[in-house]
Amino acid sequence: MRRVLLVAMTTGYQTRAFGEAADRLGVELVLATDRCHQLDDPWRDGAVPVRFHDEPGFLGSITRAASRRPLTGVLGVGDRPALFAALAADALGLRGHPPDAARASGNKLVSRRRMAAAGLPCPWFREAALDVATRRLPSDVQYPCVVKPLTLSGSRGVIRVDDPATLRVALGRLKRLLDRGSLRERRDPADNRVVLEGFIPGREYALEGLMDNGELRVLALFDKPDPLDGPFFEETIYATPSCETEAVQRRIGDGVAAAVRALGLRQGPVHAECRVNGEGVFVLEAAARPIGGLCARALRFRDEEDTVVSFEELLLRDALGEPTRCFRPEAGASAVMMIPIPRAGTYRRVENFAEARGVRGVVDLLLTAKRDQRLEPLPDGGSYLGFIFARSAEPADAVDAVRHAHDTLQFVIDPPIPVL
C-alpha cells in the first residue's frame, strides 16, 4: 500500500480534496494535523495529532506513525505545515524540500536576505523589533513603504504606509493583531519582529510550480487583474493562463526560478507571488507549498490520453515520485474569486445565491463562511466568505463571469456590537 503523509492545519480547506484524489489513485492518505492529542482519534480518520510549535515532538510522532504504517511520500499544505512536511521528509528519507529552505521560504525577512545576497531585484528592507518600533519609529525609513509580519500569509497584517503618522498607526495595529491569543499560541518568536520594505509598483502575479532536483517547472501563471496598491493587499481574483506576452511570462518564470534557487528549494510544490515593472521581476515570496484555500480548483490537467486530473492528484503523484511531465494544463481559461469580507460583523445569510451560480461561465460557487460566524476583513482577518469559479475560452471572459456573480450576491452581515 502506497501511503502519503499530508501535513495540514485542522481548519484547512484542501484536506478533503486531497482525500478524494488519494482515493482515485488508490493511495492511503495519512493526516498529520494540529488537533487535540488528548482524545483518541475523535474524528475516526487515523490522523496523527501534532503541534506546530514542537519540532522534536512532531518528528517523534511521525517516526512512530511511520514505523506502524510505512510512508512513501510527504506533502505539506500551508506555511507552517510546509516546514514540518520538509522535516518529516528529511527524517524519513523521502522526497521533499530541504528543511532549511522551507524554513527560509516561510520567513519574509530571511527570504529577503537570501534574495538580496543572490543579487536578485529587491526593494530596500530592514527589520525592526515590534515592541521598540511602536514606541520609537525607525528613523531611516523611506516612503511609501510596506509593513509586514514575518510569518503570516495571505497578505494578513501587510499594510502600506506613506508617512510617519500612518507608520505609527500600522505598527500599533500589527502589534494588536500579533498579540491575539490565536496567534500567540503558535509560539513563534518571529512574531516579535516585522519587516519594513519599499513599496514596489507594478502588476502582480502568482506562479504555481514544481521543483524537480532543483529545476523549476511552471505549472500555471495567474494574472491578478485587480490593482494591489494598498493600504491593504487583499487578493480577490486569479486568472490563468496569463494574458501577458510570452517574453514577460518567461521573465517571470526565470525570476521565480532564481528566487527558489536562492532559497534552496529543490523538490516539491512552489507557490510564488511577484510584481513586475520596468526594473525587473520582484519576487515577494516563494513558498514551499502549493496554492492555498480552495483556489487549486481553478487548475486541471490532462495527459496524452486526455485523462483529466486535479491539482491535488498531480501533487500526490509527484510526492510519490511518479512522472508528471506528461500532464499539461487543460485548454481554455479559468478564474477564481476569493470573495472578500466587505466589513466586520456577524454573518447571517447570503441572498441571490442561485442567480449568481447561474451566471454564464460560472462552474461553482462555494460559501465557506458559516451562519453566525464573526467576520473580520483584512488586514486583521485571515479568511474569505467563499470562492467563485469560472471557466471560459478566454481569461477576460472568466474574470467577467466571477465579477458578475459576485455583484449578484448580497451578503447580510450584522454590525458588531460595541464593547463598553
Protein backbone atom coordinates (compact mmCIF):
# COMPACT_ATOMS: atom_id res chain seq x y z
CA MET A 1 0.00 0.00 0.00
CA ARG A 2 1.35 3.40 -1.01
CA ARG A 3 0.88 5.99 1.73
CA VAL A 4 1.33 9.75 1.62
CA LEU A 5 1.61 11.83 4.76
CA LEU A 6 -0.38 15.07 4.41
CA VAL A 7 0.64 17.69 6.95
CA ALA A 8 -2.11 20.28 7.28
CA MET A 9 -3.95 22.59 9.62
CA THR A 10 -7.16 21.14 11.05
CA THR A 11 -9.08 24.11 9.58
CA GLY A 12 -7.56 23.80 6.09
CA TYR A 13 -9.91 23.73 3.10
CA GLN A 14 -7.85 21.37 0.96
CA THR A 15 -7.80 18.20 3.07
CA ARG A 16 -10.98 16.77 1.56
CA ALA A 17 -9.75 17.42 -1.99
CA PHE A 18 -6.55 15.52 -1.25
CA GLY A 19 -8.59 12.69 0.23
CA GLU A 20 -10.68 12.42 -2.94
CA ALA A 21 -7.54 12.49 -5.10
CA ALA A 22 -5.92 9.78 -2.96
CA ASP A 23 -8.99 7.57 -3.39
CA ARG A 24 -8.78 7.94 -7.17
CA LEU A 25 -5.12 6.93 -7.11
CA GLY A 26 -5.58 4.06 -4.68
CA VAL A 27 -3.30 5.78 -2.17
CA GLU A 28 -3.79 5.82 1.57
CA LEU A 29 -3.65 9.35 2.97
CA VAL A 30 -2.22 9.71 6.47
CA LEU A 31 -3.09 13.06 8.04
CA ALA A 32 -0.91 14.95 10.50
CA THR A 33 -2.92 17.88 11.90
CA ASP A 34 -2.92 20.22 14.87
CA ARG A 35 -5.83 18.58 16.65
CA CYS A 36 -6.35 17.64 20.29
CA HIS A 37 -3.84 14.99 21.31
CA GLN A 38 -5.73 14.03 24.48
CA LEU A 39 -8.66 12.40 22.65
CA ASP A 40 -8.22 9.05 20.95
CA ASP A 41 -8.87 9.65 17.24
CA PRO A 42 -12.00 11.80 17.77
CA TRP A 43 -12.81 12.01 14.03
CA ARG A 44 -12.02 8.35 13.30
CA ASP A 45 -9.67 9.19 10.44
CA GLY A 46 -6.46 7.79 11.90
CA ALA A 47 -4.78 11.20 11.88
CA VAL A 48 -1.58 11.88 13.78
CA PRO A 49 -2.10 14.78 16.26
CA VAL A 50 0.84 17.19 16.17
CA ARG A 51 1.83 20.62 17.46
CA PHE A 52 3.34 23.09 15.01
CA HIS A 53 5.49 24.70 17.71
CA ASP A 54 7.14 21.43 18.78
CA GLU A 55 9.54 20.13 16.14
CA PRO A 56 11.07 17.28 18.24
CA GLY A 57 7.62 16.14 19.34
CA PHE A 58 6.38 16.26 15.75
CA LEU A 59 9.27 14.16 14.47
CA GLY A 60 8.77 11.64 17.26
CA SER A 61 5.08 11.29 16.44
CA ILE A 62 5.74 10.93 12.71
CA THR A 63 8.55 8.42 13.19
CA ARG A 64 6.32 6.25 15.40
CA ALA A 65 3.45 6.50 12.93
CA ALA A 66 5.75 5.58 10.02
CA SER A 67 7.02 2.51 11.89
CA ARG A 68 3.42 1.24 12.01
CA ARG A 69 2.36 2.38 8.54
CA PRO A 70 5.42 2.91 6.27
CA LEU A 71 5.16 6.09 4.21
CA THR A 72 6.09 6.56 0.55
CA GLY A 73 5.51 10.31 0.20
CA VAL A 74 5.03 13.57 2.16
CA LEU A 75 3.13 16.78 1.34
CA GLY A 76 2.50 19.95 3.33
CA VAL A 77 -0.46 22.31 2.89
CA GLY A 78 0.04 25.77 4.42
CA ASP A 79 3.10 27.68 5.57
CA ARG A 80 3.75 26.03 8.94
CA PRO A 81 2.80 22.56 7.65
CA ALA A 82 5.19 23.06 4.70
CA LEU A 83 8.13 23.32 7.10
CA PHE A 84 7.02 20.28 9.07
CA ALA A 85 6.48 18.30 5.89
CA ALA A 86 10.09 19.11 4.95
CA LEU A 87 11.25 17.96 8.39
CA ALA A 88 9.32 14.69 8.02
CA ALA A 89 10.64 14.04 4.51
CA ASP A 90 14.20 14.65 5.66
CA ALA A 91 13.84 12.36 8.67
CA LEU A 92 12.23 9.55 6.66
CA GLY A 93 14.44 9.85 3.58
CA LEU A 94 11.55 10.81 1.28
CA ARG A 95 11.17 13.42 -1.48
CA GLY A 96 10.81 16.97 -0.25
CA HIS A 97 12.36 20.38 0.16
CA PRO A 98 15.35 20.74 2.49
CA PRO A 99 14.11 21.88 5.94
CA ASP A 100 16.43 24.90 5.94
CA ALA A 101 15.00 26.07 2.62
CA ALA A 102 11.40 25.53 3.76
CA ARG A 103 12.13 27.46 6.94
CA ALA A 104 13.66 30.34 4.98
CA SER A 105 10.79 30.49 2.48
CA GLY A 106 8.28 30.85 5.33
CA ASN A 107 10.03 33.87 6.84
CA LYS A 108 9.79 37.15 4.92
CA LEU A 109 12.97 38.58 6.43
CA VAL A 110 15.15 35.53 5.77
CA SER A 111 13.73 35.27 2.25
CA ARG A 112 14.58 38.91 1.53
CA ARG A 113 18.12 38.45 2.82
CA ARG A 114 18.75 35.40 0.67
CA MET A 115 17.34 37.00 -2.46
CA ALA A 116 19.35 40.18 -1.88
CA ALA A 117 22.53 38.14 -1.30
CA ALA A 118 21.93 36.40 -4.63
CA GLY A 119 21.75 39.79 -6.38
CA LEU A 120 18.06 39.49 -7.27
CA PRO A 121 15.79 42.55 -7.63
CA CYS A 122 14.76 43.59 -4.14
CA PRO A 123 13.35 46.72 -2.53
CA TRP A 124 15.23 48.27 0.36
CA PHE A 125 14.28 46.49 3.56
CA ARG A 126 15.07 46.42 7.24
CA GLU A 127 13.82 44.53 10.26
CA ALA A 128 12.52 46.07 13.46
CA ALA A 129 11.58 44.81 16.90
CA LEU A 130 7.83 45.40 17.07
CA ASP A 131 7.76 46.50 20.71
CA VAL A 132 10.56 49.00 20.15
CA ALA A 133 9.20 50.30 16.84
CA THR A 134 5.77 51.07 18.30
CA ARG A 135 7.43 53.31 20.90
CA ARG A 136 10.13 54.86 18.73
CA LEU A 137 9.75 54.93 14.97
CA PRO A 138 12.76 53.87 12.90
CA SER A 139 14.44 57.00 11.53
CA ASP A 140 15.84 55.52 8.31
CA VAL A 141 12.55 54.70 6.59
CA GLN A 142 11.73 55.86 3.07
CA TYR A 143 8.13 56.33 1.99
CA PRO A 144 5.97 54.79 0.71
CA CYS A 145 6.85 51.53 2.41
CA VAL A 146 5.13 48.34 3.47
CA VAL A 147 4.93 46.88 6.97
CA LYS A 148 4.94 43.07 7.04
CA PRO A 149 4.77 40.45 9.78
CA LEU A 150 7.49 37.85 9.27
CA THR A 151 5.40 34.68 9.04
CA LEU A 152 1.71 35.41 8.40
CA SER A 153 0.41 34.55 4.93
CA GLY A 154 -2.29 35.70 2.55
CA SER A 155 -1.45 39.42 2.98
CA ARG A 156 -2.63 39.27 6.59
CA GLY A 157 -1.09 42.12 8.57
CA VAL A 158 0.51 43.68 5.47
CA ILE A 159 -0.05 47.45 5.36
CA ARG A 160 1.26 50.21 3.10
CA VAL A 161 2.23 53.46 4.82
CA ASP A 162 3.01 56.83 3.24
CA ASP A 163 4.36 58.88 6.14
CA PRO A 164 5.46 58.58 9.80
CA ALA A 165 1.92 59.06 11.10
CA THR A 166 0.49 56.15 9.14
CA LEU A 167 3.55 54.05 10.01
CA ARG A 168 2.86 54.54 13.71
CA VAL A 169 -0.78 53.54 13.25
CA ALA A 170 0.16 50.48 11.18
CA LEU A 171 2.73 49.25 13.71
CA GLY A 172 0.22 49.59 16.52
CA ARG A 173 -2.41 47.72 14.54
CA LEU A 174 0.00 44.93 13.69
CA LYS A 175 1.10 44.58 17.32
CA ARG A 176 -2.52 44.21 18.45
CA LEU A 177 -3.04 41.55 15.79
CA LEU A 178 0.05 39.56 16.74
CA ASP A 179 -0.83 39.82 20.45
CA ARG A 180 -4.05 37.88 19.91
CA GLY A 181 -4.24 34.57 21.69
CA SER A 182 -4.97 32.67 18.48
CA LEU A 183 -1.61 33.81 17.10
CA ARG A 184 0.39 33.76 20.33
CA GLU A 185 -0.43 30.09 20.76
CA ARG A 186 1.78 29.43 17.71
CA ARG A 187 4.73 30.32 19.99
CA ASP A 188 6.64 31.72 17.05
CA PRO A 189 9.42 34.10 18.16
CA ALA A 190 9.30 35.73 14.72
CA ASP A 191 6.02 37.37 15.76
CA ASN A 192 8.03 39.86 17.81
CA ARG A 193 9.62 41.38 14.71
CA VAL A 194 8.49 43.00 11.47
CA VAL A 195 9.93 43.81 8.07
CA LEU A 196 9.78 47.30 6.62
CA GLU A 197 10.43 47.42 2.89
CA GLY A 198 9.99 49.76 -0.03
CA PHE A 199 6.66 49.64 -1.85
CA ILE A 200 7.06 48.02 -5.27
CA PRO A 201 4.81 49.44 -8.00
CA GLY A 202 3.66 47.26 -10.85
CA ARG A 203 1.32 44.41 -11.73
CA GLU A 204 1.16 41.36 -9.52
CA TYR A 205 1.17 37.68 -10.49
CA ALA A 206 1.12 34.29 -8.83
CA LEU A 207 3.04 31.28 -10.11
CA GLU A 208 2.42 27.63 -9.35
CA GLY A 209 5.25 25.23 -9.98
CA LEU A 210 7.02 22.01 -9.10
CA MET A 211 10.68 21.67 -8.24
CA ASP A 212 12.45 18.57 -9.54
CA ASN A 213 16.01 18.21 -8.29
CA GLY A 214 16.43 21.98 -8.17
CA GLU A 215 14.76 22.70 -11.53
CA LEU A 216 11.54 24.72 -11.60
CA ARG A 217 8.71 23.56 -13.86
CA VAL A 218 5.97 26.18 -14.21
CA LEU A 219 2.51 24.64 -13.97
CA ALA A 220 0.44 27.83 -14.11
CA LEU A 221 0.87 31.58 -14.11
CA PHE A 222 -2.02 33.59 -12.67
CA ASP A 223 -2.78 37.20 -13.52
CA LYS A 224 -4.22 39.34 -10.73
CA PRO A 225 -6.45 41.75 -12.63
CA ASP A 226 -7.25 43.98 -9.66
CA PRO A 227 -4.64 46.59 -8.70
CA LEU A 228 -2.93 45.91 -5.37
CA ASP A 229 -1.59 49.29 -4.30
CA GLY A 230 -2.68 49.37 -0.66
CA PRO A 231 -3.13 50.41 2.01
CA PHE A 232 -4.17 46.76 2.35
CA PHE A 233 -3.45 43.97 -0.12
CA GLU A 234 -6.49 41.74 -0.18
CA GLU A 235 -6.28 39.39 -3.14
CA THR A 236 -9.54 38.73 -4.94
CA ILE A 237 -9.22 37.31 -8.47
CA TYR A 238 -6.71 34.90 -10.01
CA ALA A 239 -6.98 34.15 -13.74
CA THR A 240 -5.00 31.70 -15.86
CA PRO A 241 -3.48 31.39 -18.42
CA SER A 242 -1.77 34.74 -18.17
CA CYS A 243 -2.59 37.38 -20.78
CA GLU A 244 0.99 38.63 -20.72
CA THR A 245 3.31 38.19 -23.68
CA GLU A 246 5.49 35.11 -23.85
CA ALA A 247 8.51 37.31 -23.17
CA VAL A 248 7.03 38.65 -19.91
CA GLN A 249 5.94 35.17 -18.84
CA ARG A 250 9.46 33.87 -19.42
CA ARG A 251 10.87 36.76 -17.36
CA ILE A 252 8.54 35.87 -14.51
CA GLY A 253 9.44 32.19 -14.71
CA ASP A 254 13.15 32.99 -14.77
CA GLY A 255 12.77 35.41 -11.84
CA VAL A 256 10.95 32.87 -9.71
CA ALA A 257 13.44 30.15 -10.64
CA ALA A 258 16.30 32.38 -9.47
CA ALA A 259 14.46 33.13 -6.22
CA VAL A 260 13.80 29.48 -5.37
CA ARG A 261 17.44 28.66 -6.09
CA ALA A 262 18.46 31.42 -3.69
CA LEU A 263 16.18 29.94 -1.04
CA GLY A 264 17.42 26.39 -1.68
CA LEU A 265 14.08 24.79 -2.58
CA ARG A 266 14.68 21.59 -4.54
CA GLN A 267 11.86 19.04 -4.55
CA GLY A 268 8.12 19.59 -4.44
CA PRO A 269 5.49 22.30 -4.87
CA VAL A 270 6.25 26.02 -5.00
CA HIS A 271 3.81 28.91 -4.80
CA ALA A 272 5.32 32.30 -5.67
CA GLU A 273 3.98 35.87 -5.70
CA CYS A 274 5.76 38.57 -7.67
CA ARG A 275 5.48 42.12 -9.02
CA VAL A 276 6.74 43.18 -12.40
CA ASN A 277 7.74 46.67 -13.52
CA GLY A 278 10.38 48.31 -15.70
CA GLU A 279 13.12 47.49 -13.19
CA GLY A 280 12.54 43.74 -13.24
CA VAL A 281 10.68 40.86 -11.59
CA PHE A 282 10.43 41.33 -7.83
CA VAL A 283 9.57 38.06 -6.08
CA LEU A 284 7.52 38.88 -2.99
CA GLU A 285 7.55 35.32 -1.69
CA ALA A 286 8.32 31.81 -2.86
CA ALA A 287 6.69 29.33 -0.52
CA ALA A 288 7.49 25.62 -0.20
CA ARG A 289 3.83 24.67 -0.62
CA PRO A 290 1.01 24.66 -3.17
CA ILE A 291 -1.56 27.44 -3.56
CA GLY A 292 -3.80 27.76 -0.51
CA GLY A 293 -7.50 27.58 0.20
CA LEU A 294 -9.76 26.20 -2.50
CA CYS A 295 -8.04 28.15 -5.29
CA ALA A 296 -6.46 24.92 -6.54
CA ARG A 297 -9.84 24.01 -8.02
CA ALA A 298 -9.10 26.53 -10.77
CA LEU A 299 -6.38 24.16 -12.04
CA ARG A 300 -6.98 20.98 -14.00
CA PHE A 301 -4.54 18.95 -16.07
CA ARG A 302 -4.68 16.39 -18.91
CA ASP A 303 -2.21 13.78 -20.18
CA GLU A 304 -1.66 12.43 -23.70
CA GLU A 305 -4.60 10.05 -23.28
CA ASP A 306 -6.85 13.00 -22.37
CA THR A 307 -7.18 11.89 -18.75
CA VAL A 308 -8.22 14.81 -16.52
CA VAL A 309 -6.60 15.09 -13.09
CA SER A 310 -6.98 17.63 -10.33
CA PHE A 311 -4.09 19.68 -8.99
CA GLU A 312 -4.18 17.62 -5.77
CA GLU A 313 -3.80 14.40 -7.74
CA LEU A 314 -0.85 15.85 -9.64
CA LEU A 315 0.81 16.78 -6.33
CA LEU A 316 0.24 13.31 -4.89
CA ARG A 317 1.77 11.73 -7.96
CA ASP A 318 4.80 14.00 -7.62
CA ALA A 319 5.17 13.20 -3.90
CA LEU A 320 5.21 9.50 -4.79
CA GLY A 321 7.95 10.06 -7.37
CA GLU A 322 5.71 9.34 -10.36
CA PRO A 323 6.44 11.20 -13.62
CA THR A 324 4.16 14.21 -14.05
CA ARG A 325 5.64 15.97 -17.07
CA CYS A 326 3.07 14.25 -19.29
CA PHE A 327 0.34 16.42 -17.71
CA ARG A 328 -0.44 19.81 -19.21
CA PRO A 329 -2.94 22.48 -18.12
CA GLU A 330 -6.41 21.90 -19.51
CA ALA A 331 -7.30 24.01 -22.55
CA GLY A 332 -9.27 27.17 -22.03
CA ALA A 333 -9.16 29.70 -19.22
CA SER A 334 -10.25 29.71 -15.61
CA ALA A 335 -10.66 32.30 -12.89
CA VAL A 336 -11.30 32.13 -9.18
CA MET A 337 -12.51 34.89 -6.90
CA MET A 338 -11.76 34.73 -3.20
CA ILE A 339 -14.89 36.52 -2.01
CA PRO A 340 -13.67 39.38 0.19
CA ILE A 341 -15.23 40.24 3.55
CA PRO A 342 -16.66 43.73 2.99
CA ARG A 343 -16.96 44.74 6.65
CA ALA A 344 -16.65 43.42 10.17
CA GLY A 345 -19.69 41.90 11.81
CA THR A 346 -21.71 38.71 12.24
CA TYR A 347 -22.53 36.76 9.09
CA ARG A 348 -26.25 35.94 8.78
CA ARG A 349 -27.00 34.84 5.23
CA VAL A 350 -26.44 35.38 1.51
CA GLU A 351 -29.12 36.35 -0.97
CA ASN A 352 -29.32 35.68 -4.74
CA PHE A 353 -27.14 32.57 -4.45
CA ALA A 354 -28.94 30.64 -7.22
CA GLU A 355 -28.83 33.62 -9.57
CA ALA A 356 -25.10 34.09 -9.00
CA ARG A 357 -24.38 30.42 -9.54
CA GLY A 358 -26.34 30.56 -12.79
CA VAL A 359 -24.17 33.30 -14.32
CA ARG A 360 -22.82 32.20 -17.69
CA GLY A 361 -19.32 30.77 -17.28
CA VAL A 362 -19.58 30.13 -13.53
CA VAL A 363 -18.87 26.47 -12.77
CA ASP A 364 -19.01 26.55 -8.97
CA LEU A 365 -19.79 28.85 -6.08
CA LEU A 366 -18.84 27.76 -2.57
CA LEU A 367 -19.54 29.67 0.63
CA THR A 368 -17.14 28.83 3.42
CA ALA A 369 -18.44 31.36 5.97
CA LYS A 370 -20.85 29.84 8.49
CA ARG A 371 -24.05 31.39 9.81
CA ASP A 372 -23.40 33.47 12.96
CA GLN A 373 -19.67 33.49 12.27
CA ARG A 374 -17.82 36.63 13.30
CA LEU A 375 -16.25 38.19 10.23
CA GLU A 376 -13.20 40.40 10.04
CA PRO A 377 -11.71 41.82 6.83
CA LEU A 378 -8.02 42.12 6.04
CA PRO A 379 -5.52 43.10 7.24
CA ASP A 380 -6.70 41.76 10.61
CA GLY A 381 -8.77 38.81 9.42
CA GLY A 382 -7.46 35.71 7.74
CA SER A 383 -10.37 34.22 5.80
CA TYR A 384 -12.81 34.79 2.95
CA LEU A 385 -16.57 34.47 2.56
CA GLY A 386 -16.13 31.81 -0.10
CA PHE A 387 -14.95 31.14 -3.65
CA ILE A 388 -16.39 31.65 -7.14
CA PHE A 389 -15.01 29.61 -10.05
CA ALA A 390 -15.50 30.26 -13.75
CA ARG A 391 -14.23 28.71 -16.98
CA SER A 392 -14.28 30.14 -20.48
CA ALA A 393 -12.35 30.20 -23.72
CA GLU A 394 -10.60 33.45 -22.76
CA PRO A 395 -9.31 34.66 -19.38
CA ALA A 396 -11.13 38.00 -19.67
CA ASP A 397 -14.48 36.23 -20.02
CA ALA A 398 -13.79 34.06 -16.97
CA VAL A 399 -12.88 37.18 -14.98
CA ASP A 400 -16.07 38.90 -16.12
CA ALA A 401 -18.08 35.87 -15.01
CA VAL A 402 -16.75 35.84 -11.43
CA ARG A 403 -17.20 39.62 -11.18
CA HIS A 404 -20.81 39.37 -12.39
CA ALA A 405 -21.57 36.55 -9.96
CA HIS A 406 -20.04 38.49 -7.08
CA ASP A 407 -22.04 41.61 -7.96
CA THR A 408 -25.20 39.46 -7.90
CA LEU A 409 -24.62 38.18 -4.36
CA GLN A 410 -25.94 40.13 -1.40
CA PHE A 411 -24.40 39.35 1.97
CA VAL A 412 -26.30 40.12 5.16
CA ILE A 413 -23.80 40.99 7.88
CA ASP A 414 -24.93 42.44 11.20
CA PRO A 415 -22.67 45.22 12.53
CA PRO A 416 -20.52 44.31 15.52
CA ILE A 417 -21.86 45.09 18.98
CA PRO A 418 -19.63 47.67 20.68
CA VAL A 419 -17.96 46.52 23.89
CA LEU A 420 -18.07 49.18 26.62
